[in-house]
Amino acid sequence: MSESTDTKASYCDFNPNHARDPDPFLVEGLKARLRAKCEAKSEQVVARLATLPELMVYAHFGEYIPLLKEAREIYSQGYFYSCVAMCGITAERMVKDILRGSVLVRSGPTEATQPNTKAFDQFERVEVSGLARFLFEANIIEKAAWEALDALFQLRNKYAHARGKAAEADALKAINHLHTFVDLTTSVLKHNEIRDGRLVPKEPK
């Protein structure tokens, strides 16, 4: 009676073992493979970088800039599924940061103050599309910014639940929606322009 074998496809990654191995030849071999991998995709990375818009944004809105930089980096490196999610995360942080900078609470007939950090932290528990809708209805962001957010959040939700089917195309859509929102909110160039090598206010139309 012959012995049966059950063969199933599997995925293995032993690079962590090589990275931990005390043998310097294994570690150097891993480094060489990583360098070769980066070199092989460098042209694609440069091509994707060329599709991104230039960036000049205000930092005082909050802590969104590291997230924005990471979303752009993930896109340029070709991690498209992650890019869609990261674009949504960045936009969510921006919405909450813009809200923090825009809300005043009236504590008396004439006095209006900003809530403290602990009060604003309660908004972290609120579903972000509702906060975005509030910013739109309160005329803090314009309609085009709200539409970009809405489209981005729909994409993000699909990928957050592992339902994405066209990651590269959707990553490009996500990064474009995110930058539309940036251009209409935190971009230095929303009200300024570079003229003769200097950053100056835009002339009224």
Foldseek 3Di string as FASTA:
>chain_A
DDDDDDDDDDDDDCVVVLCPDPPVVSNVVSVVVVVVVCVVCVVQLVVLLVVADDAAFDPQLDDLVVLLVVLSVCLSVPVQLVSLQSLLVSVLVSLLSLVQVPDWDDPDPPDTHRDDPVVSVVCVPPDSLVSLVVCDVVVVFDPLLNVLNVVSVVSNVCSVVPNDDCRNVVSVSSSVSSVSNRCRHTGPPVQWDQDPNDIGGDDDD
